[in-house]
Amino acid sequence: MQYDLVVIGNDPAGQLAALAAARLNRRVALVERRERGLVEASRRLGVIPGSLLREAVDYLSVAGCNSVSRPAPAHIGQTRLCIQQRPLLPRRLDRPPVVLAELQQRIATVAERNHAAIEARLEQRGVDLYRGRAYFANPHEIVVQSTAGDTRLAAEHVVIATGTKPPQPRTIPLDGRQVFVPDDFLSLKVLPRTLFVIGGGVIGSDYAMTFAALGARVTLIDGGDASRVVAAQGVALRLGEDVIGIERHETGRIELCLEGGERLFGDAALYTAGRLGDTHHLDLPAAGLEVDERGRLWCDSNLQTCVRHIYGVGDVVGFPKVCDAPDSQAQRVLAQAFAPAARSRISPLPSPHLAPGAATVDREHPEYRRRAAPRM
């Protein structure tokens, strides 16, 4: 199959690039490794559940979010179920265990609806969706392996939007239950009473505040100088210290060994100290590409790799670190690949994952067109 653009992965910037290229009447394909659908990949990324956590805790801070709650305005996918502003859940250790299950269900529901809406937009625009493992056969040819067999896609331009995956540190015995990463949150069975969050970046701070709001006693440990905003949410800070090992005890508790020799005891640990580019399955050398020590792509300011028709967007980009919004990244890619026709062709995706609540508007949605139409 011959395509003008093939997007590998489901990072939002890649999805936007696919949609915008389709609006230019280009032939576009998007390949997602998980055969169960795009939402499975969103749960794997960690960052998306992290942002959903804040909205979900806010949503559940009043029991049940019952029928008197003010519903969200109608927009594509109906991804927001409630937009009332509420304080974060108070610190409580006696809250029933069902709260964790409710929080997980809320996250799964919103993510499922949002990604179903995005997938519908891709299909509506004529973007071909492939499920399976994608890898490069050569710089212009991609092989998609699935249960149905191998499919070869020829591409004039390629966007790598595979995101990141959790690391496997040798000194941190990850088990997905007691010592876990953000990707494991939806499978947790018990809310820990005391939790250590290792890593004080955006994701670590986000999860630390969420678990504190749920009633856990949280300590955030970071070798640098993490944001002190989390202290205002009842999170204890241990800055300038690194964790060099974790031991499990027969009592069911864990013991953290700090670089300075101090030992801390608790119920669980969440490891958020850095993520790796999810590129190991792409066979990048076949395309003439290399990654850095953390599996991330090197791109220029236009998000082009050293192979100029191949681009990187989202968290898979290592240097320079991309901080632009997904729509800005997609715009840059299309301006390089299809300029000048690509300018002003980006419509934002629905963004229900922010707290305090924020939203974007799809300019192609009939409701937007009806309300934006000039009145005579």
Protein backbone atom coordinates (compact mmCIF):
# COMPACT_ATOMS: atom_id res chain seq x y z
CA MET A 1 0.00 0.00 0.00
CA GLN A 2 1.31 3.44 -0.97
CA TYR A 3 0.77 6.39 1.41
CA ASP A 4 1.77 10.03 1.52
CA LEU A 5 2.10 9.84 5.31
CA VAL A 6 2.37 6.93 7.75
CA VAL A 7 2.14 7.67 11.48
CA ILE A 8 3.57 5.04 13.81
CA GLY A 9 2.07 5.29 17.30
CA ASN A 10 -0.79 7.21 18.85
CA ASP A 11 0.77 10.25 20.49
CA PRO A 12 -1.69 13.17 20.15
CA ALA A 13 0.70 15.08 17.89
CA GLY A 14 0.83 12.07 15.57
CA GLN A 15 -2.95 11.80 15.52
CA LEU A 16 -3.26 15.49 14.68
CA ALA A 17 -0.70 15.18 11.91
CA ALA A 18 -2.67 12.26 10.46
CA LEU A 19 -5.95 14.20 10.58
CA ALA A 20 -4.46 17.36 9.08
CA ALA A 21 -2.76 15.46 6.26
CA ALA A 22 -6.05 13.72 5.48
CA ARG A 23 -7.72 17.14 5.24
CA LEU A 24 -5.18 17.96 2.54
CA ASN A 25 -6.48 14.95 0.60
CA ARG A 26 -3.31 13.01 1.27
CA ARG A 27 -3.44 9.26 1.71
CA VAL A 28 -2.68 8.58 5.37
CA ALA A 29 -2.24 5.53 7.60
CA LEU A 30 -1.82 5.25 11.37
CA VAL A 31 -0.27 2.14 12.93
CA GLU A 32 -0.90 1.24 16.57
CA ARG A 33 0.96 -1.67 18.10
CA ARG A 34 -1.82 -2.79 20.46
CA GLU A 35 -4.45 -4.76 18.57
CA ARG A 36 -7.08 -4.08 21.23
CA GLY A 37 -7.30 -0.44 20.21
CA LEU A 38 -5.91 3.02 20.76
CA VAL A 39 -7.11 3.33 24.37
CA GLU A 40 -4.85 0.48 25.47
CA ALA A 41 -1.85 2.47 24.34
CA SER A 42 -3.07 5.56 26.20
CA ARG A 43 -3.14 3.56 29.42
CA ARG A 44 0.39 2.39 28.72
CA LEU A 45 1.80 5.90 28.35
CA GLY A 46 1.53 6.83 32.03
CA VAL A 47 1.37 10.57 31.39
CA ILE A 48 -2.23 10.38 30.20
CA PRO A 49 -3.51 8.48 33.25
CA GLY A 50 -1.52 10.93 35.36
CA SER A 51 -3.41 13.92 34.02
CA LEU A 52 -6.67 12.01 34.22
CA LEU A 53 -6.03 11.30 37.90
CA ARG A 54 -6.48 14.93 38.87
CA GLU A 55 -9.78 15.25 37.02
CA ALA A 56 -11.02 11.92 38.34
CA VAL A 57 -10.24 12.74 41.97
CA ASP A 58 -11.94 16.09 41.55
CA TYR A 59 -14.95 14.36 40.00
CA LEU A 60 -15.26 11.83 42.82
CA SER A 61 -14.55 14.23 45.68
CA VAL A 62 -18.29 14.48 46.24
CA ALA A 63 -19.73 10.97 46.59
CA GLY A 64 -20.97 9.55 43.35
CA CYS A 65 -21.24 12.66 41.15
CA ASN A 66 -24.98 12.01 41.08
CA SER A 67 -27.67 13.04 38.69
CA VAL A 68 -27.87 16.61 39.97
CA SER A 69 -24.33 17.26 38.75
CA ARG A 70 -24.14 19.77 35.95
CA PRO A 71 -23.27 17.92 32.71
CA ALA A 72 -20.63 19.06 30.32
CA PRO A 73 -21.57 20.93 27.15
CA ALA A 74 -22.10 18.71 24.15
CA HIS A 75 -18.98 18.14 22.11
CA ILE A 76 -17.40 15.35 20.17
CA GLY A 77 -17.37 12.02 21.95
CA GLN A 78 -19.02 13.36 25.11
CA THR A 79 -15.70 12.77 26.82
CA ARG A 80 -16.41 14.88 29.89
CA LEU A 81 -19.08 13.55 32.19
CA CYS A 82 -19.02 16.34 34.75
CA ILE A 83 -17.29 19.73 34.88
CA GLN A 84 -18.15 20.91 38.36
CA GLN A 85 -15.23 22.38 40.26
CA ARG A 86 -14.67 20.64 43.59
CA PRO A 87 -11.81 20.61 46.10
CA LEU A 88 -9.52 17.63 46.12
CA LEU A 89 -10.57 14.71 48.28
CA PRO A 90 -9.69 15.37 51.97
CA ARG A 91 -6.98 13.27 53.56
CA ARG A 92 -8.70 10.21 55.03
CA LEU A 93 -7.28 6.83 55.99
CA ASP A 94 -10.67 5.27 56.73
CA ARG A 95 -12.18 5.75 53.28
CA PRO A 96 -13.54 2.44 51.92
CA PRO A 97 -11.36 0.52 49.41
CA VAL A 98 -14.08 0.91 46.77
CA VAL A 99 -12.85 4.48 46.18
CA LEU A 100 -9.77 3.17 44.38
CA ALA A 101 -11.93 1.01 42.12
CA GLU A 102 -14.22 3.99 41.42
CA LEU A 103 -11.23 6.14 40.54
CA GLN A 104 -9.85 3.50 38.19
CA GLN A 105 -13.25 3.07 36.55
CA ARG A 106 -13.59 6.82 36.08
CA ILE A 107 -10.19 7.01 34.41
CA ALA A 108 -10.92 4.04 32.15
CA THR A 109 -14.34 5.42 31.17
CA VAL A 110 -13.10 8.89 30.23
CA ALA A 111 -10.07 7.51 28.38
CA GLU A 112 -12.22 5.01 26.49
CA ARG A 113 -14.73 7.63 25.37
CA ASN A 114 -12.08 10.15 24.42
CA HIS A 115 -10.09 7.70 22.33
CA ALA A 116 -13.20 6.29 20.74
CA ALA A 117 -14.00 9.83 19.60
CA ILE A 118 -10.49 10.34 18.24
CA GLU A 119 -10.60 7.00 16.45
CA ALA A 120 -13.95 7.93 14.92
CA ARG A 121 -12.46 11.18 13.61
CA LEU A 122 -9.57 9.31 12.06
CA GLU A 123 -11.91 6.90 10.31
CA GLN A 124 -14.23 9.71 9.26
CA ARG A 125 -11.31 11.50 7.60
CA GLY A 126 -10.36 8.36 5.71
CA VAL A 127 -7.22 7.55 7.72
CA ASP A 128 -6.44 3.84 7.43
CA LEU A 129 -5.88 2.25 10.87
CA TYR A 130 -3.58 -0.74 11.25
CA ARG A 131 -3.16 -2.85 14.40
CA GLY A 132 0.09 -4.61 15.01
CA ARG A 133 3.84 -4.26 15.45
CA ALA A 134 5.40 -1.85 12.98
CA TYR A 135 9.05 -1.85 11.99
CA PHE A 136 11.14 -0.38 9.17
CA ALA A 137 12.16 -2.60 6.27
CA ASN A 138 13.95 0.39 4.72
CA PRO A 139 13.63 4.19 5.06
CA HIS A 140 10.45 4.30 2.94
CA GLU A 141 8.85 0.94 3.75
CA ILE A 142 7.17 -0.19 6.97
CA VAL A 143 6.06 -3.70 7.82
CA VAL A 144 3.05 -4.20 10.11
CA GLN A 145 2.95 -7.59 11.81
CA SER A 146 -0.45 -8.72 13.09
CA THR A 147 -2.37 -11.92 13.67
CA ALA A 148 -3.70 -11.59 10.12
CA GLY A 149 -0.18 -11.61 8.67
CA ASP A 150 2.33 -9.02 7.49
CA THR A 151 1.32 -5.87 5.62
CA ARG A 152 3.84 -3.65 3.84
CA LEU A 153 3.25 0.10 3.71
CA ALA A 154 5.24 2.38 1.43
CA ALA A 155 5.43 5.96 2.72
CA GLU A 156 6.65 9.23 1.29
CA HIS A 157 6.79 10.67 4.84
CA VAL A 158 6.82 8.94 8.24
CA VAL A 159 5.98 10.29 11.69
CA ILE A 160 7.20 8.35 14.72
CA ALA A 161 4.81 9.00 17.62
CA THR A 162 5.32 5.94 19.81
CA GLY A 163 5.69 7.77 23.11
CA THR A 164 7.56 6.28 26.05
CA LYS A 165 7.64 3.20 28.24
CA PRO A 166 8.67 2.70 31.88
CA PRO A 167 12.32 1.91 32.61
CA GLN A 168 13.60 -1.29 34.18
CA PRO A 169 16.13 -0.07 36.78
CA ARG A 170 18.38 -2.80 38.17
CA THR A 171 18.15 -1.56 41.76
CA ILE A 172 14.36 -1.07 41.81
CA PRO A 173 12.52 -4.45 41.89
CA LEU A 174 9.34 -3.51 40.01
CA ASP A 175 6.47 -5.97 40.47
CA GLY A 176 3.44 -3.94 39.36
CA ARG A 177 1.83 -4.13 42.82
CA GLN A 178 4.01 -3.03 45.72
CA VAL A 179 6.76 -1.38 43.69
CA PHE A 180 5.08 -0.03 40.59
CA VAL A 181 5.16 2.56 37.81
CA PRO A 182 2.36 4.92 36.69
CA ASP A 183 1.36 2.47 33.96
CA ASP A 184 0.33 -0.03 36.66
CA PHE A 185 -2.18 2.27 38.35
CA LEU A 186 -5.30 0.86 36.70
CA SER A 187 -4.41 -2.65 37.89
CA LEU A 188 -3.76 -1.79 41.55
CA LYS A 189 -6.00 -3.67 43.97
CA VAL A 190 -5.24 -1.88 47.24
CA LEU A 191 -4.58 1.76 48.09
CA PRO A 192 -1.33 1.90 50.11
CA ARG A 193 -1.50 3.67 53.47
CA THR A 194 2.08 4.92 53.12
CA LEU A 195 3.63 5.53 49.71
CA PHE A 196 7.06 6.64 48.49
CA VAL A 197 7.11 8.42 45.13
CA ILE A 198 10.58 8.18 43.59
CA GLY A 199 11.16 11.04 41.16
CA GLY A 200 9.90 14.60 41.47
CA GLY A 201 9.14 15.47 37.87
CA VAL A 202 5.74 16.39 36.49
CA ILE A 203 4.43 12.82 36.63
CA GLY A 204 5.82 12.10 40.09
CA SER A 205 4.41 15.32 41.55
CA ASP A 206 1.04 14.67 39.91
CA TYR A 207 0.74 11.19 41.38
CA ALA A 208 2.06 12.26 44.77
CA MET A 209 -0.68 14.87 45.14
CA THR A 210 -3.33 12.42 43.93
CA PHE A 211 -2.41 9.66 46.37
CA ALA A 212 -2.22 12.23 49.19
CA ALA A 213 -5.71 13.42 48.27
CA LEU A 214 -6.94 9.82 48.45
CA GLY A 215 -5.70 9.53 52.03
CA ALA A 216 -2.26 7.95 51.71
CA ARG A 217 0.74 9.29 53.61
CA VAL A 218 3.04 10.23 50.74
CA THR A 219 6.76 11.02 50.70
CA LEU A 220 8.27 12.30 47.47
CA ILE A 221 11.98 11.50 47.05
CA ASP A 222 14.03 13.28 44.40
CA GLY A 223 17.75 13.63 43.82
CA GLY A 224 17.28 17.15 42.51
CA ASP A 225 15.00 19.97 43.56
CA ALA A 226 11.43 18.88 42.87
CA SER A 227 8.53 21.29 42.83
CA ARG A 228 7.57 22.27 46.36
CA VAL A 229 3.97 22.77 45.30
CA VAL A 230 3.29 19.18 46.36
CA ALA A 231 4.10 20.06 50.00
CA ALA A 232 0.97 22.21 50.10
CA GLN A 233 -1.06 19.07 49.34
CA GLY A 234 0.26 17.21 52.39
CA VAL A 235 3.20 15.50 50.66
CA ALA A 236 6.45 15.13 52.59
CA LEU A 237 9.58 16.01 50.60
CA ARG A 238 13.01 14.37 50.70
CA LEU A 239 15.06 16.36 48.21
CA GLY A 240 18.68 15.93 47.20
CA GLU A 241 18.58 12.20 47.99
CA ASP A 242 18.56 9.21 45.65
CA VAL A 243 17.14 5.74 46.24
CA ILE A 244 19.80 3.11 45.63
CA GLY A 245 17.75 0.03 46.46
CA ILE A 246 14.47 -1.43 47.72
CA GLU A 247 14.05 -4.52 49.88
CA ARG A 248 10.85 -6.41 50.70
CA HIS A 249 10.11 -7.75 54.18
CA GLU A 250 8.05 -10.76 55.26
CA THR A 251 5.75 -8.35 57.09
CA GLY A 252 4.54 -7.12 53.69
CA ARG A 253 6.30 -3.76 53.98
CA ILE A 254 9.20 -2.42 51.92
CA GLU A 255 12.46 -0.77 52.92
CA LEU A 256 14.05 1.99 50.86
CA CYS A 257 17.80 2.46 51.02
CA LEU A 258 18.89 6.06 50.43
CA GLU A 259 22.23 7.12 49.05
CA GLY A 260 23.23 8.68 52.36
CA GLY A 261 22.66 5.41 54.24
CA GLU A 262 19.25 6.21 55.73
CA ARG A 263 16.48 3.61 55.49
CA LEU A 264 12.78 4.33 55.15
CA PHE A 265 9.88 1.91 55.68
CA GLY A 266 6.48 1.96 54.00
CA ASP A 267 3.79 -0.01 52.21
CA ALA A 268 4.57 0.75 48.56
CA ALA A 269 6.75 2.74 46.17
CA LEU A 270 5.90 4.42 42.88
CA TYR A 271 8.84 4.82 40.50
CA THR A 272 8.58 7.81 38.14
CA ALA A 273 12.25 8.74 37.67
CA GLY A 274 12.50 8.94 33.92
CA ARG A 275 11.02 7.03 31.02
CA LEU A 276 12.47 5.43 27.90
CA GLY A 277 11.55 6.05 24.28
CA ASP A 278 9.30 3.22 23.05
CA THR A 279 11.40 2.56 19.96
CA HIS A 280 13.00 -0.85 20.51
CA HIS A 281 10.53 -2.61 18.18
CA LEU A 282 10.92 -0.24 15.20
CA ASP A 283 14.23 -1.57 13.81
CA LEU A 284 15.39 2.01 13.34
CA PRO A 285 18.84 1.10 11.90
CA ALA A 286 17.02 -0.23 8.82
CA ALA A 287 15.77 3.32 8.30
CA GLY A 288 19.20 4.84 8.93
CA LEU A 289 18.27 6.12 12.40
CA GLU A 290 19.83 5.84 15.84
CA VAL A 291 18.50 6.66 19.30
CA ASP A 292 20.15 8.04 22.42
CA GLU A 293 20.91 6.05 25.56
CA ARG A 294 17.28 6.37 26.66
CA GLY A 295 15.82 5.13 23.39
CA ARG A 296 14.74 8.57 22.18
CA LEU A 297 15.06 10.18 18.76
CA TRP A 298 17.28 13.11 17.92
CA CYS A 299 15.37 15.71 15.88
CA ASP A 300 16.01 19.26 14.72
CA SER A 301 13.80 22.25 15.47
CA ASN A 302 11.43 21.15 12.69
CA LEU A 303 11.12 17.68 14.28
CA GLN A 304 13.00 16.12 11.37
CA THR A 305 15.45 13.31 12.06
CA CYS A 306 18.72 12.88 10.17
CA VAL A 307 16.64 10.98 7.59
CA ARG A 308 14.75 14.04 6.43
CA HIS A 309 11.43 12.44 5.48
CA ILE A 310 11.12 10.81 8.94
CA TYR A 311 9.85 12.94 11.84
CA GLY A 312 9.54 12.47 15.59
CA VAL A 313 6.80 13.99 17.75
CA GLY A 314 5.83 13.82 21.42
CA ASP A 315 7.77 12.23 24.24
CA VAL A 316 9.75 9.94 21.94
CA VAL A 317 11.87 12.97 20.96
CA GLY A 318 15.00 13.27 23.07
CA PHE A 319 16.99 16.33 21.96
CA PRO A 320 15.92 19.01 21.70
CA LYS A 321 13.18 18.29 24.21
CA VAL A 322 9.81 19.15 22.65
CA CYS A 323 7.62 21.33 24.87
CA ASP A 324 5.20 22.58 22.22
CA ALA A 325 1.54 21.60 22.28
CA PRO A 326 0.61 18.65 20.04
CA ASP A 327 -1.10 20.88 17.48
CA SER A 328 2.03 23.02 17.15
CA GLN A 329 4.17 19.93 16.61
CA ALA A 330 1.77 18.60 13.98
CA GLN A 331 1.80 21.98 12.24
CA ARG A 332 5.59 21.96 12.03
CA VAL A 333 5.66 18.45 10.60
CA LEU A 334 3.07 19.20 7.94
CA ALA A 335 4.70 22.52 7.05
CA GLN A 336 7.88 20.63 6.24
CA ALA A 337 6.23 17.68 4.52
CA PHE A 338 3.47 19.38 2.55
CA ALA A 339 4.15 23.14 2.71
CA PRO A 340 2.68 25.57 1.89
CA ALA A 341 -0.68 23.78 1.71
CA ALA A 342 -0.35 22.51 5.27
CA ARG A 343 -0.60 25.85 7.02
CA SER A 344 -3.66 26.51 9.19
CA ARG A 345 -4.96 22.98 8.75
CA ILE A 346 -4.77 21.78 12.36
CA SER A 347 -7.98 21.30 14.35
CA PRO A 348 -7.46 20.53 18.05
CA LEU A 349 -8.40 17.21 19.58
CA PRO A 350 -10.76 17.10 22.57
CA SER A 351 -8.78 17.53 25.80
CA PRO A 352 -10.83 16.44 28.83
CA HIS A 353 -7.88 15.49 31.01
CA LEU A 354 -7.02 18.75 32.72
CA ALA A 355 -7.82 19.90 36.24
CA PRO A 356 -8.82 22.66 36.74
CA GLY A 357 -10.97 21.90 33.74
CA ALA A 358 -10.00 23.13 30.29
CA ALA A 359 -11.16 22.21 26.84
CA THR A 360 -10.49 22.72 23.17
CA VAL A 361 -13.12 23.12 20.50
CA ASP A 362 -13.27 21.10 17.30
CA ARG A 363 -14.00 23.66 14.58
CA GLU A 364 -15.41 20.94 12.33
CA HIS A 365 -18.03 19.78 14.84
CA PRO A 366 -21.60 20.62 13.75
CA GLU A 367 -22.39 22.16 17.15
CA TYR A 368 -19.46 24.57 16.79
CA ARG A 369 -20.50 25.52 13.29
CA ARG A 370 -24.10 26.12 14.40
CA ARG A 371 -23.11 28.36 17.32
CA ALA A 372 -20.32 30.16 15.45
CA ALA A 373 -22.48 30.96 12.43
CA PRO A 374 -23.27 34.71 12.17
CA ARG A 375 -26.80 35.59 13.20
CA MET A 376 -28.85 37.78 10.86
